[in-house]
Amino acid sequence: AQTDDRHCGGCNNACGAGQACTAGQCGASCGAPLTVCGAACTNTQS
C-alpha cells in the first residue's frame, strides 16, 4: 500500500490519472529526469 497505485495507503484507494503512489500517498508522477519533490516534479540536477 506504500507503492501500489490501485491501493495507495489502503485497499481500493486508487491514484488518479497522472499520479503515482509514493509512501502511501498519491502524488505527481514524473518521468526521467524529473523527481517528485512535495507535490511537484522538479529536476534535482538544476
ModelCIF file with pLDDT and N, C-alpha, C, O atoms, coordinates in Angstrom:
data_MODEL
#
_entry.id   MODEL 
#
_entity.id                         1 
_entity.type                       polymer 
_entity.pdbx_number_of_molecules   1 
#
_entity_poly.entity_id                      1 
_entity_poly.type                           'polypeptide(L)' 
_entity_poly.nstd_linkage                   no 
_entity_poly.nstd_monomer                   no 
_entity_poly.pdbx_seq_one_letter_code       AQTDDRHCGGCNNACGAGQACTAGQCGASCGAPLTVCGAACTNTQS 
_entity_poly.pdbx_seq_one_letter_code_can   AQTDDRHCGGCNNACGAGQACTAGQCGASCGAPLTVCGAACTNTQS 
_entity_poly.pdbx_strand_id                 A 
#
loop_
_entity_poly_seq.entity_id 
_entity_poly_seq.num 
_entity_poly_seq.mon_id 
_entity_poly_seq.hetero 
1 1  ALA n 
1 2  GLN n 
1 3  THR n 
1 4  ASP n 
1 5  ASP n 
1 6  ARG n 
1 7  HIS n 
1 8  CYS n 
1 9  GLY n 
1 10 GLY n 
1 11 CYS n 
1 12 ASN n 
1 13 ASN n 
1 14 ALA n 
1 15 CYS n 
1 16 GLY n 
1 17 ALA n 
1 18 GLY n 
1 19 GLN n 
1 20 ALA n 
1 21 CYS n 
1 22 THR n 
1 23 ALA n 
1 24 GLY n 
1 25 GLN n 
1 26 CYS n 
1 27 GLY n 
1 28 ALA n 
1 29 SER n 
1 30 CYS n 
1 31 GLY n 
1 32 ALA n 
1 33 PRO n 
1 34 LEU n 
1 35 THR n 
1 36 VAL n 
1 37 CYS n 
1 38 GLY n 
1 39 ALA n 
1 40 ALA n 
1 41 CYS n 
1 42 THR n 
1 43 ASN n 
1 44 THR n 
1 45 GLN n 
1 46 SER n 
#
_struct_asym.id          A 
_struct_asym.entity_id   1 
#
loop_
_ma_qa_metric.id 
_ma_qa_metric.mode 
_ma_qa_metric.name 
_ma_qa_metric.software_group_id 
_ma_qa_metric.type 
1 global pLDDT . pLDDT 
2 local  pLDDT . pLDDT 
#
_ma_qa_metric_global.metric_id      1 
_ma_qa_metric_global.metric_value   87.67 
_ma_qa_metric_global.model_id       1 
_ma_qa_metric_global.ordinal_id     1 
#
loop_
_ma_qa_metric_local.label_asym_id 
_ma_qa_metric_local.label_comp_id 
_ma_qa_metric_local.label_seq_id 
_ma_qa_metric_local.metric_id 
_ma_qa_metric_local.metric_value 
_ma_qa_metric_local.model_id 
_ma_qa_metric_local.ordinal_id 
A ALA 1  2 95.00 1 1  
A GLN 2  2 94.00 1 2  
A THR 3  2 92.00 1 3  
A ASP 4  2 94.00 1 4  
A ASP 5  2 92.00 1 5  
A ARG 6  2 94.00 1 6  
A HIS 7  2 96.00 1 7  
A CYS 8  2 95.00 1 8  
A GLY 9  2 94.00 1 9  
A GLY 10 2 93.00 1 10 
A CYS 11 2 94.00 1 11 
A ASN 12 2 95.00 1 12 
A ASN 13 2 95.00 1 13 
A ALA 14 2 94.00 1 14 
A CYS 15 2 91.00 1 15 
A GLY 16 2 88.00 1 16 
A ALA 17 2 83.00 1 17 
A GLY 18 2 78.00 1 18 
A GLN 19 2 84.00 1 19 
A ALA 20 2 85.00 1 20 
A CYS 21 2 89.00 1 21 
A THR 22 2 84.00 1 22 
A ALA 23 2 87.00 1 23 
A GLY 24 2 92.00 1 24 
A GLN 25 2 89.00 1 25 
A CYS 26 2 89.00 1 26 
A GLY 27 2 82.00 1 27 
A ALA 28 2 78.00 1 28 
A SER 29 2 80.00 1 29 
A CYS 30 2 81.00 1 30 
A GLY 31 2 79.00 1 31 
A ALA 32 2 80.00 1 32 
A PRO 33 2 85.00 1 33 
A LEU 34 2 87.00 1 34 
A THR 35 2 86.00 1 35 
A VAL 36 2 79.00 1 36 
A CYS 37 2 83.00 1 37 
A GLY 38 2 76.00 1 38 
A ALA 39 2 70.00 1 39 
A ALA 40 2 79.00 1 40 
A CYS 41 2 84.00 1 41 
A THR 42 2 90.00 1 42 
A ASN 43 2 94.00 1 43 
A THR 44 2 94.00 1 44 
A GLN 45 2 95.00 1 45 
A SER 46 2 95.00 1 46 
#
loop_
_atom_site.group_PDB 
_atom_site.id 
_atom_site.type_symbol 
_atom_site.label_atom_id 
_atom_site.label_alt_id 
_atom_site.label_comp_id 
_atom_site.label_asym_id 
_atom_site.label_entity_id 
_atom_site.label_seq_id 
_atom_site.pdbx_PDB_ins_code 
_atom_site.Cartn_x 
_atom_site.Cartn_y 
_atom_site.Cartn_z 
_atom_site.occupancy 
_atom_site.B_iso_or_equiv 
_atom_site.pdbx_formal_charge 
_atom_site.auth_seq_id 
_atom_site.auth_comp_id 
_atom_site.auth_asym_id 
_atom_site.auth_atom_id 
_atom_site.pdbx_PDB_model_num 
ATOM 1   N N  . ALA A 1 1  ? 0.820   -1.218 0.000   1.00 95.00 ? 1  ALA A N  1 
ATOM 2   C CA . ALA A 1 1  ? 0.000   0.000  0.000   1.00 95.00 ? 1  ALA A CA 1 
ATOM 3   C C  . ALA A 1 1  ? 0.853   1.267  0.000   1.00 95.00 ? 1  ALA A C  1 
ATOM 4   O O  . ALA A 1 1  ? 0.317   2.370  -0.110  1.00 95.00 ? 1  ALA A O  1 
ATOM 5   N N  . GLN A 1 2  ? 2.161   1.126  0.120   1.00 94.00 ? 2  GLN A N  1 
ATOM 6   C CA . GLN A 1 2  ? 3.054   2.286  0.053   1.00 94.00 ? 2  GLN A CA 1 
ATOM 7   C C  . GLN A 1 2  ? 3.381   2.665  -1.380  1.00 94.00 ? 2  GLN A C  1 
ATOM 8   O O  . GLN A 1 2  ? 3.756   3.806  -1.652  1.00 94.00 ? 2  GLN A O  1 
ATOM 9   N N  . THR A 1 3  ? 3.237   1.685  -2.329  1.00 92.00 ? 3  THR A N  1 
ATOM 10  C CA . THR A 1 3  ? 3.638   1.941  -3.715  1.00 92.00 ? 3  THR A CA 1 
ATOM 11  C C  . THR A 1 3  ? 2.608   1.509  -4.756  1.00 92.00 ? 3  THR A C  1 
ATOM 12  O O  . THR A 1 3  ? 2.782   1.808  -5.938  1.00 92.00 ? 3  THR A O  1 
ATOM 13  N N  . ASP A 1 4  ? 1.552   0.821  -4.358  1.00 94.00 ? 4  ASP A N  1 
ATOM 14  C CA . ASP A 1 4  ? 0.567   0.299  -5.317  1.00 94.00 ? 4  ASP A CA 1 
ATOM 15  C C  . ASP A 1 4  ? -0.416  1.398  -5.722  1.00 94.00 ? 4  ASP A C  1 
ATOM 16  O O  . ASP A 1 4  ? -1.162  1.903  -4.883  1.00 94.00 ? 4  ASP A O  1 
ATOM 17  N N  . ASP A 1 5  ? -0.419  1.768  -7.001  1.00 92.00 ? 5  ASP A N  1 
ATOM 18  C CA . ASP A 1 5  ? -1.280  2.849  -7.499  1.00 92.00 ? 5  ASP A CA 1 
ATOM 19  C C  . ASP A 1 5  ? -2.766  2.544  -7.356  1.00 92.00 ? 5  ASP A C  1 
ATOM 20  O O  . ASP A 1 5  ? -3.578  3.469  -7.335  1.00 92.00 ? 5  ASP A O  1 
ATOM 21  N N  . ARG A 1 6  ? -3.144  1.265  -7.258  1.00 94.00 ? 6  ARG A N  1 
ATOM 22  C CA . ARG A 1 6  ? -4.567  0.891  -7.119  1.00 94.00 ? 6  ARG A CA 1 
ATOM 23  C C  . ARG A 1 6  ? -5.008  0.814  -5.660  1.00 94.00 ? 6  ARG A C  1 
ATOM 24  O O  . ARG A 1 6  ? -6.202  0.868  -5.366  1.00 94.00 ? 6  ARG A O  1 
ATOM 25  N N  . HIS A 1 7  ? -4.050  0.687  -4.750  1.00 96.00 ? 7  HIS A N  1 
ATOM 26  C CA . HIS A 1 7  ? -4.348  0.542  -3.315  1.00 96.00 ? 7  HIS A CA 1 
ATOM 27  C C  . HIS A 1 7  ? -3.385  1.440  -2.523  1.00 96.00 ? 7  HIS A C  1 
ATOM 28  O O  . HIS A 1 7  ? -2.674  0.952  -1.644  1.00 96.00 ? 7  HIS A O  1 
ATOM 29  N N  . CYS A 1 8  ? -3.356  2.705  -2.818  1.00 95.00 ? 8  CYS A N  1 
ATOM 30  C CA . CYS A 1 8  ? -2.384  3.636  -2.241  1.00 95.00 ? 8  CYS A CA 1 
ATOM 31  C C  . CYS A 1 8  ? -2.798  4.070  -0.838  1.00 95.00 ? 8  CYS A C  1 
ATOM 32  O O  . CYS A 1 8  ? -3.788  4.781  -0.665  1.00 95.00 ? 8  CYS A O  1 
ATOM 33  N N  . GLY A 1 9  ? -2.034  3.637  0.159   1.00 94.00 ? 9  GLY A N  1 
ATOM 34  C CA . GLY A 1 9  ? -2.336  3.967  1.544   1.00 94.00 ? 9  GLY A CA 1 
ATOM 35  C C  . GLY A 1 9  ? -3.380  3.064  2.153   1.00 94.00 ? 9  GLY A C  1 
ATOM 36  O O  . GLY A 1 9  ? -3.559  3.074  3.371   1.00 94.00 ? 9  GLY A O  1 
ATOM 37  N N  . GLY A 1 10 ? -4.078  2.281  1.348   1.00 93.00 ? 10 GLY A N  1 
ATOM 38  C CA . GLY A 1 10 ? -5.114  1.366  1.819   1.00 93.00 ? 10 GLY A CA 1 
ATOM 39  C C  . GLY A 1 10 ? -5.848  0.744  0.644   1.00 93.00 ? 10 GLY A C  1 
ATOM 40  O O  . GLY A 1 10 ? -5.720  1.199  -0.492  1.00 93.00 ? 10 GLY A O  1 
ATOM 41  N N  . CYS A 1 11 ? -6.601  -0.278 0.919   1.00 94.00 ? 11 CYS A N  1 
ATOM 42  C CA . CYS A 1 11 ? -7.310  -1.019 -0.127  1.00 94.00 ? 11 CYS A CA 1 
ATOM 43  C C  . CYS A 1 11 ? -8.273  -0.122 -0.895  1.00 94.00 ? 11 CYS A C  1 
ATOM 44  O O  . CYS A 1 11 ? -8.975  0.710  -0.320  1.00 94.00 ? 11 CYS A O  1 
ATOM 45  N N  . ASN A 1 12 ? -8.284  -0.316 -2.210  1.00 95.00 ? 12 ASN A N  1 
ATOM 46  C CA . ASN A 1 12 ? -9.206  0.351  -3.141  1.00 95.00 ? 12 ASN A CA 1 
ATOM 47  C C  . ASN A 1 12 ? -9.097  1.866  -3.146  1.00 95.00 ? 12 ASN A C  1 
ATOM 48  O O  . ASN A 1 12 ? -10.064 2.551  -3.481  1.00 95.00 ? 12 ASN A O  1 
ATOM 49  N N  . ASN A 1 13 ? -7.935  2.403  -2.780  1.00 95.00 ? 13 ASN A N  1 
ATOM 50  C CA . ASN A 1 13 ? -7.699  3.843  -2.847  1.00 95.00 ? 13 ASN A CA 1 
ATOM 51  C C  . ASN A 1 13 ? -6.791  4.092  -4.045  1.00 95.00 ? 13 ASN A C  1 
ATOM 52  O O  . ASN A 1 13 ? -5.570  4.172  -3.906  1.00 95.00 ? 13 ASN A O  1 
ATOM 53  N N  . ALA A 1 14 ? -7.403  4.215  -5.231  1.00 94.00 ? 14 ALA A N  1 
ATOM 54  C CA . ALA A 1 14 ? -6.645  4.347  -6.478  1.00 94.00 ? 14 ALA A CA 1 
ATOM 55  C C  . ALA A 1 14 ? -6.201  5.786  -6.704  1.00 94.00 ? 14 ALA A C  1 
ATOM 56  O O  . ALA A 1 14 ? -6.942  6.732  -6.435  1.00 94.00 ? 14 ALA A O  1 
ATOM 57  N N  . CYS A 1 15 ? -4.985  5.931  -7.201  1.00 91.00 ? 15 CYS A N  1 
ATOM 58  C CA . CYS A 1 15 ? -4.480  7.253  -7.571  1.00 91.00 ? 15 CYS A CA 1 
ATOM 59  C C  . CYS A 1 15 ? -5.121  7.666  -8.893  1.00 91.00 ? 15 CYS A C  1 
ATOM 60  O O  . CYS A 1 15 ? -5.489  6.822  -9.710  1.00 91.00 ? 15 CYS A O  1 
ATOM 61  N N  . GLY A 1 16 ? -5.247  8.961  -9.086  1.00 88.00 ? 16 GLY A N  1 
ATOM 62  C CA . GLY A 1 16 ? -5.841  9.495  -10.313 1.00 88.00 ? 16 GLY A CA 1 
ATOM 63  C C  . GLY A 1 16 ? -4.872  9.434  -11.484 1.00 88.00 ? 16 GLY A C  1 
ATOM 64  O O  . GLY A 1 16 ? -3.707  9.063  -11.338 1.00 88.00 ? 16 GLY A O  1 
ATOM 65  N N  . ALA A 1 17 ? -5.387  9.810  -12.648 1.00 83.00 ? 17 ALA A N  1 
ATOM 66  C CA . ALA A 1 17 ? -4.577  9.830  -13.865 1.00 83.00 ? 17 ALA A CA 1 
ATOM 67  C C  . ALA A 1 17 ? -3.391  10.768 -13.668 1.00 83.00 ? 17 ALA A C  1 
ATOM 68  O O  . ALA A 1 17 ? -3.553  11.870 -13.143 1.00 83.00 ? 17 ALA A O  1 
ATOM 69  N N  . GLY A 1 18 ? -2.215  10.347 -14.078 1.00 78.00 ? 18 GLY A N  1 
ATOM 70  C CA . GLY A 1 18 ? -1.014  11.153 -13.964 1.00 78.00 ? 18 GLY A CA 1 
ATOM 71  C C  . GLY A 1 18 ? -0.412  11.174 -12.573 1.00 78.00 ? 18 GLY A C  1 
ATOM 72  O O  . GLY A 1 18 ? 0.525   11.928 -12.308 1.00 78.00 ? 18 GLY A O  1 
ATOM 73  N N  . GLN A 1 19 ? -0.953  10.343 -11.674 1.00 84.00 ? 19 GLN A N  1 
ATOM 74  C CA . GLN A 1 19 ? -0.425  10.278 -10.316 1.00 84.00 ? 19 GLN A CA 1 
ATOM 75  C C  . GLN A 1 19 ? 0.206   8.914  -10.062 1.00 84.00 ? 19 GLN A C  1 
ATOM 76  O O  . GLN A 1 19 ? -0.103  7.930  -10.733 1.00 84.00 ? 19 GLN A O  1 
ATOM 77  N N  . ALA A 1 20 ? 1.089   8.885  -9.085  1.00 85.00 ? 20 ALA A N  1 
ATOM 78  C CA . ALA A 1 20 ? 1.731   7.640  -8.661  1.00 85.00 ? 20 ALA A CA 1 
ATOM 79  C C  . ALA A 1 20 ? 1.680   7.577  -7.135  1.00 85.00 ? 20 ALA A C  1 
ATOM 80  O O  . ALA A 1 20 ? 1.583   8.604  -6.463  1.00 85.00 ? 20 ALA A O  1 
ATOM 81  N N  . CYS A 1 21 ? 1.746   6.368  -6.605  1.00 89.00 ? 21 CYS A N  1 
ATOM 82  C CA . CYS A 1 21 ? 1.721   6.159  -5.160  1.00 89.00 ? 21 CYS A CA 1 
ATOM 83  C C  . CYS A 1 21 ? 3.152   6.118  -4.628  1.00 89.00 ? 21 CYS A C  1 
ATOM 84  O O  . CYS A 1 21 ? 3.953   5.269  -5.019  1.00 89.00 ? 21 CYS A O  1 
ATOM 85  N N  . THR A 1 22 ? 3.454   7.053  -3.732  1.00 84.00 ? 22 THR A N  1 
ATOM 86  C CA . THR A 1 22 ? 4.763   7.113  -3.096  1.00 84.00 ? 22 THR A CA 1 
ATOM 87  C C  . THR A 1 22 ? 4.546   7.285  -1.604  1.00 84.00 ? 22 THR A C  1 
ATOM 88  O O  . THR A 1 22 ? 3.867   8.219  -1.178  1.00 84.00 ? 22 THR A O  1 
ATOM 89  N N  . ALA A 1 23 ? 5.115   6.396  -0.809  1.00 87.00 ? 23 ALA A N  1 
ATOM 90  C CA . ALA A 1 23 ? 4.982   6.432  0.656   1.00 87.00 ? 23 ALA A CA 1 
ATOM 91  C C  . ALA A 1 23 ? 3.512   6.474  1.079   1.00 87.00 ? 23 ALA A C  1 
ATOM 92  O O  . ALA A 1 23 ? 3.161   7.152  2.045   1.00 87.00 ? 23 ALA A O  1 
ATOM 93  N N  . GLY A 1 24 ? 2.655   5.748  0.353   1.00 92.00 ? 24 GLY A N  1 
ATOM 94  C CA . GLY A 1 24 ? 1.245   5.644  0.710   1.00 92.00 ? 24 GLY A CA 1 
ATOM 95  C C  . GLY A 1 24 ? 0.416   6.862  0.371   1.00 92.00 ? 24 GLY A C  1 
ATOM 96  O O  . GLY A 1 24 ? -0.719  6.983  0.833   1.00 92.00 ? 24 GLY A O  1 
ATOM 97  N N  . GLN A 1 25 ? 0.960   7.771  -0.428  1.00 89.00 ? 25 GLN A N  1 
ATOM 98  C CA . GLN A 1 25 ? 0.249   8.989  -0.823  1.00 89.00 ? 25 GLN A CA 1 
ATOM 99  C C  . GLN A 1 25 ? 0.267   9.124  -2.338  1.00 89.00 ? 25 GLN A C  1 
ATOM 100 O O  . GLN A 1 25 ? 1.293   8.901  -2.980  1.00 89.00 ? 25 GLN A O  1 
ATOM 101 N N  . CYS A 1 26 ? -0.884  9.493  -2.906  1.00 89.00 ? 26 CYS A N  1 
ATOM 102 C CA . CYS A 1 26 ? -0.942  9.754  -4.343  1.00 89.00 ? 26 CYS A CA 1 
ATOM 103 C C  . CYS A 1 26 ? -0.345  11.126 -4.617  1.00 89.00 ? 26 CYS A C  1 
ATOM 104 O O  . CYS A 1 26 ? -0.636  12.087 -3.905  1.00 89.00 ? 26 CYS A O  1 
ATOM 105 N N  . GLY A 1 27 ? 0.477   11.215 -5.633  1.00 82.00 ? 27 GLY A N  1 
ATOM 106 C CA . GLY A 1 27 ? 1.100   12.491 -5.984  1.00 82.00 ? 27 GLY A CA 1 
ATOM 107 C C  . GLY A 1 27 ? 1.480   12.503 -7.441  1.00 82.00 ? 27 GLY A C  1 
ATOM 108 O O  . GLY A 1 27 ? 1.199   11.561 -8.183  1.00 82.00 ? 27 GLY A O  1 
ATOM 109 N N  . ALA A 1 28 ? 2.119   13.570 -7.841  1.00 78.00 ? 28 ALA A N  1 
ATOM 110 C CA . ALA A 1 28 ? 2.524   13.726 -9.234  1.00 78.00 ? 28 ALA A CA 1 
ATOM 111 C C  . ALA A 1 28 ? 3.400   12.564 -9.667  1.00 78.00 ? 28 ALA A C  1 
ATOM 112 O O  . ALA A 1 28 ? 4.205   12.047 -8.893  1.00 78.00 ? 28 ALA A O  1 
ATOM 113 N N  . SER A 1 29 ? 3.229   12.168 -10.909 1.00 80.00 ? 29 SER A N  1 
ATOM 114 C CA . SER A 1 29 ? 4.057   11.124 -11.497 1.00 80.00 ? 29 SER A CA 1 
ATOM 115 C C  . SER A 1 29 ? 5.001   11.805 -12.478 1.00 80.00 ? 29 SER A C  1 
ATOM 116 O O  . SER A 1 29 ? 4.552   12.428 -13.440 1.00 80.00 ? 29 SER A O  1 
ATOM 117 N N  . CYS A 1 30 ? 6.286   11.694 -12.248 1.00 81.00 ? 30 CYS A N  1 
ATOM 118 C CA . CYS A 1 30 ? 7.270   12.395 -13.054 1.00 81.00 ? 30 CYS A CA 1 
ATOM 119 C C  . CYS A 1 30 ? 8.080   11.414 -13.881 1.00 81.00 ? 30 CYS A C  1 
ATOM 120 O O  . CYS A 1 30 ? 8.474   10.351 -13.401 1.00 81.00 ? 30 CYS A O  1 
ATOM 121 N N  . GLY A 1 31 ? 8.317   11.777 -15.110 1.00 79.00 ? 31 GLY A N  1 
ATOM 122 C CA . GLY A 1 31 ? 9.204   10.982 -15.962 1.00 79.00 ? 31 GLY A CA 1 
ATOM 123 C C  . GLY A 1 31 ? 10.629  11.469 -15.800 1.00 79.00 ? 31 GLY A C  1 
ATOM 124 O O  . GLY A 1 31 ? 10.855  12.606 -15.388 1.00 79.00 ? 31 GLY A O  1 
ATOM 125 N N  . ALA A 1 32 ? 11.585  10.622 -16.118 1.00 80.00 ? 32 ALA A N  1 
ATOM 126 C CA . ALA A 1 32 ? 13.008  10.978 -16.018 1.00 80.00 ? 32 ALA A CA 1 
ATOM 127 C C  . ALA A 1 32 ? 13.281  12.195 -16.902 1.00 80.00 ? 32 ALA A C  1 
ATOM 128 O O  . ALA A 1 32 ? 12.707  12.280 -17.987 1.00 80.00 ? 32 ALA A O  1 
ATOM 129 N N  . PRO A 1 33 ? 14.095  13.104 -16.507 1.00 85.00 ? 33 PRO A N  1 
ATOM 130 C CA . PRO A 1 33 ? 14.956  13.114 -15.331 1.00 85.00 ? 33 PRO A CA 1 
ATOM 131 C C  . PRO A 1 33 ? 14.319  13.797 -14.126 1.00 85.00 ? 33 PRO A C  1 
ATOM 132 O O  . PRO A 1 33 ? 15.025  14.159 -13.185 1.00 85.00 ? 33 PRO A O  1 
ATOM 133 N N  . LEU A 1 34 ? 13.000  13.980 -14.134 1.00 87.00 ? 34 LEU A N  1 
ATOM 134 C CA . LEU A 1 34 ? 12.331  14.691 -13.040 1.00 87.00 ? 34 LEU A CA 1 
ATOM 135 C C  . LEU A 1 34 ? 12.105  13.799 -11.834 1.00 87.00 ? 34 LEU A C  1 
ATOM 136 O O  . LEU A 1 34 ? 12.001  12.578 -11.950 1.00 87.00 ? 34 LEU A O  1 
ATOM 137 N N  . THR A 1 35 ? 12.029  14.449 -10.650 1.00 86.00 ? 35 THR A N  1 
ATOM 138 C CA . THR A 1 35 ? 11.800  13.782 -9.374  1.00 86.00 ? 35 THR A CA 1 
ATOM 139 C C  . THR A 1 35 ? 10.640  14.471 -8.678  1.00 86.00 ? 35 THR A C  1 
ATOM 140 O O  . THR A 1 35 ? 10.491  15.689 -8.775  1.00 86.00 ? 35 THR A O  1 
ATOM 141 N N  . VAL A 1 36 ? 9.810   13.695 -7.971  1.00 79.00 ? 36 VAL A N  1 
ATOM 142 C CA . VAL A 1 36 ? 8.725   14.289 -7.197  1.00 79.00 ? 36 VAL A CA 1 
ATOM 143 C C  . VAL A 1 36 ? 9.319   14.881 -5.924  1.00 79.00 ? 36 VAL A C  1 
ATOM 144 O O  . VAL A 1 36 ? 9.916   14.166 -5.119  1.00 79.00 ? 36 VAL A O  1 
ATOM 145 N N  . CYS A 1 37 ? 9.153   16.190 -5.747  1.00 83.00 ? 37 CYS A N  1 
ATOM 146 C CA . CYS A 1 37 ? 9.545   16.890 -4.526  1.00 83.00 ? 37 CYS A CA 1 
ATOM 147 C C  . CYS A 1 37 ? 8.286   17.554 -4.009  1.00 83.00 ? 37 CYS A C  1 
ATOM 148 O O  . CYS A 1 37 ? 7.780   18.500 -4.613  1.00 83.00 ? 37 CYS A O  1 
ATOM 149 N N  . GLY A 1 38 ? 7.782   17.059 -2.894  1.00 76.00 ? 38 GLY A N  1 
ATOM 150 C CA . GLY A 1 38 ? 6.489   17.553 -2.405  1.00 76.00 ? 38 GLY A CA 1 
ATOM 151 C C  . GLY A 1 38 ? 5.401   17.084 -3.355  1.00 76.00 ? 38 GLY A C  1 
ATOM 152 O O  . GLY A 1 38 ? 5.225   15.882 -3.553  1.00 76.00 ? 38 GLY A O  1 
ATOM 153 N N  . ALA A 1 39 ? 4.680   18.010 -3.938  1.00 70.00 ? 39 ALA A N  1 
ATOM 154 C CA . ALA A 1 39 ? 3.609   17.660 -4.875  1.00 70.00 ? 39 ALA A CA 1 
ATOM 155 C C  . ALA A 1 39 ? 3.968   18.056 -6.295  1.00 70.00 ? 39 ALA A C  1 
ATOM 156 O O  . ALA A 1 39 ? 3.107   18.035 -7.174  1.00 70.00 ? 39 ALA A O  1 
ATOM 157 N N  . ALA A 1 40 ? 5.235   18.422 -6.542  1.00 79.00 ? 40 ALA A N  1 
ATOM 158 C CA . ALA A 1 40 ? 5.627   18.896 -7.870  1.00 79.00 ? 40 ALA A CA 1 
ATOM 159 C C  . ALA A 1 40 ? 6.790   18.082 -8.434  1.00 79.00 ? 40 ALA A C  1 
ATOM 160 O O  . ALA A 1 40 ? 7.555   17.456 -7.700  1.00 79.00 ? 40 ALA A O  1 
ATOM 161 N N  . CYS A 1 41 ? 6.894   18.112 -9.743  1.00 84.00 ? 41 CYS A N  1 
ATOM 162 C CA . CYS A 1 41 ? 8.021   17.485 -10.432 1.00 84.00 ? 41 CYS A CA 1 
ATOM 163 C C  . CYS A 1 41 ? 9.135   18.525 -10.561 1.00 84.00 ? 41 CYS A C  1 
ATOM 164 O O  . CYS A 1 41 ? 8.887   19.674 -10.925 1.00 84.00 ? 41 CYS A O  1 
ATOM 165 N N  . THR A 1 42 ? 10.338  18.111 -10.263 1.00 90.00 ? 42 THR A N  1 
ATOM 166 C CA . THR A 1 42 ? 11.473  19.032 -10.368 1.00 90.00 ? 42 THR A CA 1 
ATOM 167 C C  . THR A 1 42 ? 12.694  18.285 -10.883 1.00 90.00 ? 42 THR A C  1 
ATOM 168 O O  . THR A 1 42 ? 12.805  17.067 -10.749 1.00 90.00 ? 42 THR A O  1 
ATOM 169 N N  . ASN A 1 43 ? 13.610  19.049 -11.476 1.00 94.00 ? 43 ASN A N  1 
ATOM 170 C CA . ASN A 1 43 ? 14.859  18.473 -11.947 1.00 94.00 ? 43 ASN A CA 1 
ATOM 171 C C  . ASN A 1 43 ? 15.910  18.770 -10.887 1.00 94.00 ? 43 ASN A C  1 
ATOM 172 O O  . ASN A 1 43 ? 16.401  19.895 -10.801 1.00 94.00 ? 43 ASN A O  1 
ATOM 173 N N  . THR A 1 44 ? 16.258  17.776 -10.080 1.00 94.00 ? 44 THR A N  1 
ATOM 174 C CA . THR A 1 44 ? 17.209  17.970 -8.991  1.00 94.00 ? 44 THR A CA 1 
ATOM 175 C C  . THR A 1 44 ? 18.635  18.221 -9.496  1.00 94.00 ? 44 THR A C  1 
ATOM 176 O O  . THR A 1 44 ? 19.534  18.489 -8.699  1.00 94.00 ? 44 THR A O  1 
ATOM 177 N N  . GLN A 1 45 ? 18.840  18.138 -10.790 1.00 95.00 ? 45 GLN A N  1 
ATOM 178 C CA . GLN A 1 45 ? 20.157  18.435 -11.355 1.00 95.00 ? 45 GLN A CA 1 
ATOM 179 C C  . GLN A 1 45 ? 20.338  19.925 -11.607 1.00 95.00 ? 45 GLN A C  1 
ATOM 180 O O  . GLN A 1 45 ? 21.465  20.404 -11.737 1.00 95.00 ? 45 GLN A O  1 
ATOM 181 N N  . SER A 1 46 ? 19.191  20.687 -11.680 1.00 95.00 ? 46 SER A N  1 
ATOM 182 C CA . SER A 1 46 ? 19.304  22.114 -11.991 1.00 95.00 ? 46 SER A CA 1 
ATOM 183 C C  . SER A 1 46 ? 18.438  23.033 -11.128 1.00 95.00 ? 46 SER A C  1 
ATOM 184 O O  . SER A 1 46 ? 18.460  24.251 -11.308 1.00 95.00 ? 46 SER A O  1 
#
